């Protein structure tokens, strides 16, 4: 009969393999959230640049 990977607790706990899989899933979710934040920040920067460029252009037109 093969030994249980759960530390001899009769299968009531998580094995090292199970914990590694769970940790990997948590890391992937964290990376996806970080990527989402970077994309959102880039979009905000682009929108801000377009807005400021539009405002600078309209000020120049008023002075002429």
PDB file of N, CA and C in Angstrom:
ATOM      1  N   UNK A   1       0.848  -1.178   0.000  1.00  0.00           N
ATOM      2  CA  UNK A   1       0.000   0.000   0.000  1.00  0.00           C
ATOM      3  C   UNK A   1       0.893   1.240   0.000  1.00  0.00           C
ATOM      4  N   UNK A   2       0.712   2.189  -0.985  1.00  0.00           N
ATOM      5  CA  UNK A   2       1.563   3.378  -1.053  1.00  0.00           C
ATOM      6  C   UNK A   2       1.264   4.349   0.074  1.00  0.00           C
ATOM      7  N   UNK A   3       2.313   5.098   0.458  1.00  0.00           N
ATOM      8  CA  UNK A   3       2.158   6.092   1.518  1.00  0.00           C
ATOM      9  C   UNK A   3       1.414   7.317   0.992  1.00  0.00           C
ATOM     10  N   UNK A   4       0.679   7.942   1.850  1.00  0.00           N
ATOM     11  CA  UNK A   4      -0.032   9.161   1.508  1.00  0.00           C
ATOM     12  C   UNK A   4       0.934  10.341   1.516  1.00  0.00           C
ATOM     13  N   UNK A   5       0.749  11.291   0.606  1.00  0.00           N
ATOM     14  CA  UNK A   5       1.596  12.482   0.563  1.00  0.00           C
ATOM     15  C   UNK A   5       1.124  13.556   1.530  1.00  0.00           C
ATOM     16  N   UNK A   6       0.089  13.286   2.271  1.00  0.00           N
ATOM     17  CA  UNK A   6      -0.469  14.306   3.152  1.00  0.00           C
ATOM     18  C   UNK A   6       0.177  14.315   4.527  1.00  0.00           C
ATOM     19  N   UNK A   7       1.309  13.705   4.674  1.00  0.00           N
ATOM     20  CA  UNK A   7       2.009  13.738   5.948  1.00  0.00           C
ATOM     21  C   UNK A   7       1.522  12.700   6.930  1.00  0.00           C
ATOM     22  N   UNK A   8       0.870  11.676   6.478  1.00  0.00           N
ATOM     23  CA  UNK A   8       0.425  10.612   7.352  1.00  0.00           C
ATOM     24  C   UNK A   8      -0.788  10.964   8.191  1.00  0.00           C
ATOM     25  N   UNK A   9      -1.546  11.944   7.776  1.00  0.00           N
ATOM     26  CA  UNK A   9      -2.739  12.343   8.534  1.00  0.00           C
ATOM     27  C   UNK A   9      -3.996  11.650   8.024  1.00  0.00           C
ATOM     28  N   UNK A  10      -3.813  10.666   7.214  1.00  0.00           N
ATOM     29  CA  UNK A  10      -4.975   9.940   6.721  1.00  0.00           C
ATOM     30  C   UNK A  10      -5.724  10.663   5.625  1.00  0.00           C
ATOM     31  N   UNK A  11      -5.062  11.557   4.893  1.00  0.00           N
ATOM     32  CA  UNK A  11      -5.697  12.239   3.773  1.00  0.00           C
ATOM     33  C   UNK A  11      -6.544  13.425   4.173  1.00  0.00           C
ATOM     34  N   UNK A  12      -6.477  13.870   5.412  1.00  0.00           N
ATOM     35  CA  UNK A  12      -7.313  14.985   5.833  1.00  0.00           C
ATOM     36  C   UNK A  12      -6.703  16.339   5.503  1.00  0.00           C
ATOM     37  N   UNK A  13      -5.385  16.404   5.225  1.00  0.00           N
ATOM     38  CA  UNK A  13      -4.719  17.671   4.932  1.00  0.00           C
ATOM     39  C   UNK A  13      -4.368  17.788   3.467  1.00  0.00           C
ATOM     40  N   UNK A  14      -3.758  18.894   3.111  1.00  0.00           N
ATOM     41  CA  UNK A  14      -3.324  19.111   1.738  1.00  0.00           C
ATOM     42  C   UNK A  14      -1.914  18.582   1.561  1.00  0.00           C
ATOM     43  N   UNK A  15      -1.665  18.000   0.421  1.00  0.00           N
ATOM     44  CA  UNK A  15      -0.327  17.508   0.135  1.00  0.00           C
ATOM     45  C   UNK A  15       0.543  18.665  -0.348  1.00  0.00           C
ATOM     46  N   UNK A  16       1.823  18.416  -0.431  1.00  0.00           N
ATOM     47  CA  UNK A  16       2.748  19.434  -0.935  1.00  0.00           C
ATOM     48  C   UNK A  16       2.423  19.767  -2.385  1.00  0.00           C
ATOM     49  N   UNK A  17       2.021  18.783  -3.148  1.00  0.00           N
ATOM     50  CA  UNK A  17       1.638  19.021  -4.539  1.00  0.00           C
ATOM     51  C   UNK A  17       0.404  19.918  -4.622  1.00  0.00           C
ATOM     52  N   UNK A  18      -0.574  19.669  -3.761  1.00  0.00           N
ATOM     53  CA  UNK A  18      -1.777  20.493  -3.739  1.00  0.00           C
ATOM     54  C   UNK A  18      -1.447  21.940  -3.382  1.00  0.00           C
ATOM     55  N   UNK A  19      -0.593  22.113  -2.389  1.00  0.00           N
ATOM     56  CA  UNK A  19      -0.197  23.467  -1.985  1.00  0.00           C
ATOM     57  C   UNK A  19       0.561  24.177  -3.094  1.00  0.00           C
ATOM     58  N   UNK A  20       1.396  23.450  -3.818  1.00  0.00           N
ATOM     59  CA  UNK A  20       2.139  24.046  -4.927  1.00  0.00           C
ATOM     60  C   UNK A  20       1.193  24.498  -6.035  1.00  0.00           C
ATOM     61  N   UNK A  21       0.189  23.701  -6.318  1.00  0.00           N
ATOM     62  CA  UNK A  21      -0.791  24.074  -7.345  1.00  0.00           C
ATOM     63  C   UNK A  21      -1.573  25.305  -6.912  1.00  0.00           C
ATOM     64  N   UNK A  22      -2.008  25.331  -5.678  1.00  0.00           N
ATOM     65  CA  UNK A  22      -2.753  26.485  -5.153  1.00  0.00           C
ATOM     66  C   UNK A  22      -1.883  27.732  -5.194  1.00  0.00           C
ATOM     67  N   UNK A  23      -0.615  27.611  -4.792  1.00  0.00           N
ATOM     68  CA  UNK A  23       0.290  28.758  -4.822  1.00  0.00           C
ATOM     69  C   UNK A  23       0.498  29.248  -6.253  1.00  0.00           C
ATOM     70  N   UNK A  24       0.619  28.332  -7.191  1.00  0.00           N
ATOM     71  CA  UNK A  24       0.766  28.717  -8.588  1.00  0.00           C
ATOM     72  C   UNK A  24      -0.444  29.467  -9.106  1.00  0.00           C
ATOM     73  N   UNK A  25      -1.622  29.023  -8.720  1.00  0.00           N
ATOM     74  CA  UNK A  25      -2.853  29.707  -9.134  1.00  0.00           C
ATOM     75  C   UNK A  25      -2.911  31.111  -8.553  1.00  0.00           C
ATOM     76  N   UNK A  26      -2.533  31.247  -7.280  1.00  0.00           N
ATOM     77  CA  UNK A  26      -2.535  32.562  -6.635  1.00  0.00           C
ATOM     78  C   UNK A  26      -1.550  33.504  -7.330  1.00  0.00           C
ATOM     79  N   UNK A  27      -0.386  32.981  -7.708  1.00  0.00           N
ATOM     80  CA  UNK A  27       0.620  33.796  -8.394  1.00  0.00           C
ATOM     81  C   UNK A  27       0.096  34.259  -9.755  1.00  0.00           C
ATOM     82  N   UNK A  28      -0.539  33.355 -10.489  1.00  0.00           N
ATOM     83  CA  UNK A  28      -1.076  33.714 -11.803  1.00  0.00           C
ATOM     84  C   UNK A  28      -2.157  34.782 -11.661  1.00  0.00           C
ATOM     85  N   UNK A  29      -3.035  34.644 -10.692  1.00  0.00           N
ATOM     86  CA  UNK A  29      -4.078  35.646 -10.473  1.00  0.00           C
ATOM     87  C   UNK A  29      -3.448  36.994 -10.126  1.00  0.00           C
ATOM     88  N   UNK A  30      -2.430  36.981  -9.276  1.00  0.00           N
ATOM     89  CA  UNK A  30      -1.739  38.223  -8.923  1.00  0.00           C
ATOM     90  C   UNK A  30      -1.081  38.877 -10.123  1.00  0.00           C
ATOM     91  N   UNK A  31      -0.464  38.066 -10.979  1.00  0.00           N
ATOM     92  CA  UNK A  31       0.166  38.600 -12.186  1.00  0.00           C
ATOM     93  C   UNK A  31      -0.869  39.196 -13.135  1.00  0.00           C
ATOM     94  N   UNK A  32      -2.018  38.549 -13.258  1.00  0.00           N
ATOM     95  CA  UNK A  32      -3.079  39.084 -14.118  1.00  0.00           C
ATOM     96  C   UNK A  32      -3.604  40.412 -13.586  1.00  0.00           C
ATOM     97  N   UNK A  33      -3.763  40.510 -12.271  1.00  0.00           N
ATOM     98  CA  UNK A  33      -4.206  41.774 -11.686  1.00  0.00           C
ATOM     99  C   UNK A  33      -3.168  42.877 -11.893  1.00  0.00           C
ATOM    100  N   UNK A  34      -1.897  42.539 -11.764  1.00  0.00           N
ATOM    101  CA  UNK A  34      -0.841  43.522 -11.990  1.00  0.00           C
ATOM    102  C   UNK A  34      -0.832  43.981 -13.447  1.00  0.00           C
ATOM    103  N   UNK A  35      -1.011  43.055 -14.387  1.00  0.00           N
ATOM    104  CA  UNK A  35      -1.073  43.412 -15.800  1.00  0.00           C
ATOM    105  C   UNK A  35      -2.262  44.317 -16.077  1.00  0.00           C
ATOM    106  N   UNK A  36      -3.389  44.020 -15.482  1.00  0.00           N
ATOM    107  CA  UNK A  36      -4.591  44.835 -15.646  1.00  0.00           C
ATOM    108  C   UNK A  36      -4.341  46.253 -15.130  1.00  0.00           C
ATOM    109  N   UNK A  37      -3.660  46.372 -13.997  1.00  0.00           N
ATOM    110  CA  UNK A  37      -3.352  47.685 -13.436  1.00  0.00           C
ATOM    111  C   UNK A  37      -2.415  48.469 -14.343  1.00  0.00           C
ATOM    112  N   UNK A  38      -1.427  47.802 -14.932  1.00  0.00           N
ATOM    113  CA  UNK A  38      -0.494  48.481 -15.827  1.00  0.00           C
ATOM    114  C   UNK A  38      -1.219  48.971 -17.078  1.00  0.00           C
ATOM    115  N   UNK A  39      -2.092  48.144 -17.622  1.00  0.00           N
ATOM    116  CA  UNK A  39      -2.844  48.541 -18.816  1.00  0.00           C
ATOM    117  C   UNK A  39      -3.751  49.724 -18.503  1.00  0.00           C
ATOM    118  N   UNK A  40      -4.420  49.698 -17.357  1.00  0.00           N
ATOM    119  CA  UNK A  40      -5.293  50.809 -16.974  1.00  0.00           C
ATOM    120  C   UNK A  40      -4.489  52.089 -16.780  1.00  0.00           C
ATOM    121  N   UNK A  41      -3.323  51.992 -16.157  1.00  0.00           N
ATOM    122  CA  UNK A  41      -2.489  53.176 -15.949  1.00  0.00           C
ATOM    123  C   UNK A  41      -2.008  53.745 -17.279  1.00  0.00           C
ATOM    124  N   UNK A  42      -1.655  52.867 -18.214  1.00  0.00           N
ATOM    125  CA  UNK A  42      -1.200  53.324 -19.530  1.00  0.00           C
ATOM    126  C   UNK A  42      -2.327  54.053 -20.258  1.00  0.00           C
ATOM    127  N   UNK A  43      -3.531  53.514 -20.184  1.00  0.00           N
ATOM    128  CA  UNK A  43      -4.678  54.175 -20.825  1.00  0.00           C
ATOM    129  C   UNK A  43      -4.936  55.543 -20.210  1.00  0.00           C
ATOM    130  N   UNK A  44      -4.841  55.638 -18.881  1.00  0.00           N
ATOM    131  CA  UNK A  44      -5.049  56.926 -18.218  1.00  0.00           C
ATOM    132  C   UNK A  44      -3.992  57.933 -18.645  1.00  0.00           C
ATOM    133  N   UNK A  45      -2.735  57.490 -18.746  1.00  0.00           N
ATOM    134  CA  UNK A  45      -1.663  58.384 -19.183  1.00  0.00           C
ATOM    135  C   UNK A  45      -1.897  58.869 -20.608  1.00  0.00           C
ATOM    136  N   UNK A  46      -2.334  57.974 -21.484  1.00  0.00           N
ATOM    137  CA  UNK A  46      -2.598  58.361 -22.868  1.00  0.00           C
ATOM    138  C   UNK A  46      -3.754  59.349 -22.949  1.00  0.00           C
ATOM    139  N   UNK A  47      -4.804  59.111 -22.173  1.00  0.00           N
ATOM    140  CA  UNK A  47      -5.939  60.026 -22.178  1.00  0.00           C
ATOM    141  C   UNK A  47      -5.540  61.385 -21.631  1.00  0.00           C
ATOM    142  N   UNK A  48      -4.717  61.392 -20.593  1.00  0.00           N
ATOM    143  CA  UNK A  48      -4.257  62.646 -20.019  1.00  0.00           C
ATOM    144  C   UNK A  48      -3.389  63.412 -21.010  1.00  0.00           C
ATOM    145  N   UNK A  49      -2.539  62.706 -21.734  1.00  0.00           N
ATOM    146  CA  UNK A  49      -1.681  63.347 -22.731  1.00  0.00           C
ATOM    147  C   UNK A  49      -2.522  63.938 -23.858  1.00  0.00           C
ATOM    148  N   UNK A  50      -3.538  63.220 -24.299  1.00  0.00           N
ATOM    149  CA  UNK A  50      -4.412  63.740 -25.355  1.00  0.00           C
ATOM    150  C   UNK A  50      -5.173  64.973 -24.869  1.00  0.00           C
ATOM    151  N   UNK A  51      -5.638  64.934 -23.646  1.00  0.00           N
ATOM    152  CA  UNK A  51      -6.388  66.060 -23.094  1.00  0.00           C
ATOM    153  C   UNK A  51      -5.495  67.288 -22.953  1.00  0.00           C
ATOM    154  N   UNK A  52      -4.297  67.106 -22.442  1.00  0.00           N
ATOM    155  CA  UNK A  52      -3.401  68.243 -22.270  1.00  0.00           C
ATOM    156  C   UNK A  52      -2.934  68.778 -23.615  1.00  0.00           C
ATOM    157  N   UNK A  53      -2.752  67.904 -24.604  1.00  0.00           N
ATOM    158  CA  UNK A  53      -2.351  68.344 -25.929  1.00  0.00           C
ATOM    159  C   UNK A  53      -3.483  69.145 -26.570  1.00  0.00           C
ATOM    160  N   UNK A  54      -4.705  68.720 -26.374  1.00  0.00           N
ATOM    161  CA  UNK A  54      -5.858  69.442 -26.913  1.00  0.00           C
ATOM    162  C   UNK A  54      -5.968  70.818 -26.262  1.00  0.00           C
ATOM    163  N   UNK A  55      -5.785  70.867 -24.952  1.00  0.00           N
ATOM    164  CA  UNK A  55      -5.868  72.145 -24.247  1.00  0.00           C
ATOM    165  C   UNK A  55      -4.771  73.089 -24.685  1.00  0.00           C
ATOM    166  N   UNK A  56      -3.544  72.594 -24.851  1.00  0.00           N
ATOM    167  CA  UNK A  56      -2.450  73.458 -25.291  1.00  0.00           C
ATOM    168  C   UNK A  56      -2.726  73.982 -26.702  1.00  0.00           C
ATOM    169  N   UNK A  57      -3.257  73.146 -27.559  1.00  0.00           N
ATOM    170  CA  UNK A  57      -3.557  73.573 -28.917  1.00  0.00           C
ATOM    171  C   UNK A  57      -4.651  74.616 -28.952  1.00  0.00           C
ATOM    172  N   UNK A  58      -5.659  74.485 -28.103  1.00  0.00           N
ATOM    173  CA  UNK A  58      -6.751  75.458 -28.100  1.00  0.00           C
ATOM    174  C   UNK A  58      -6.299  76.788 -27.514  1.00  0.00           C
ATOM    175  N   UNK A  59      -5.366  76.794 -26.600  1.00  0.00           N
ATOM    176  CA  UNK A  59      -4.850  78.037 -26.050  1.00  0.00           C
ATOM    177  C   UNK A  59      -4.058  78.798 -27.118  1.00  0.00           C
ATOM    178  N   UNK A  60      -3.305  78.083 -27.923  1.00  0.00           N
ATOM    179  CA  UNK A  60      -2.526  78.727 -28.964  1.00  0.00           C
ATOM    180  C   UNK A  60      -3.459  79.385 -29.990  1.00  0.00           C
ATOM    181  N   UNK A  61      -4.522  78.718 -30.300  1.00  0.00           N
ATOM    182  CA  UNK A  61      -5.444  79.274 -31.284  1.00  0.00           C
ATOM    183  C   UNK A  61      -6.104  80.547 -30.763  1.00  0.00           C
ATOM    184  N   UNK A  62      -6.392  80.629 -29.500  1.00  0.00           N
ATOM    185  CA  UNK A  62      -7.029  81.804 -28.923  1.00  0.00           C
ATOM    186  C   UNK A  62      -6.099  83.009 -28.940  1.00  0.00           C
ATOM    187  N   UNK A  63      -4.796  82.797 -28.780  1.00  0.00           N
ATOM    188  CA  UNK A  63      -3.848  83.897 -28.742  1.00  0.00           C
ATOM    189  C   UNK A  63      -3.672  84.534 -30.118  1.00  0.00           C
ATOM    190  N   UNK A  64      -3.855  83.776 -31.185  1.00  0.00           N
ATOM    191  CA  UNK A  64      -3.648  84.306 -32.534  1.00  0.00           C
ATOM    192  C   UNK A  64      -4.763  85.135 -32.932  1.00  0.00           C
TER     193      UNK A  64
END
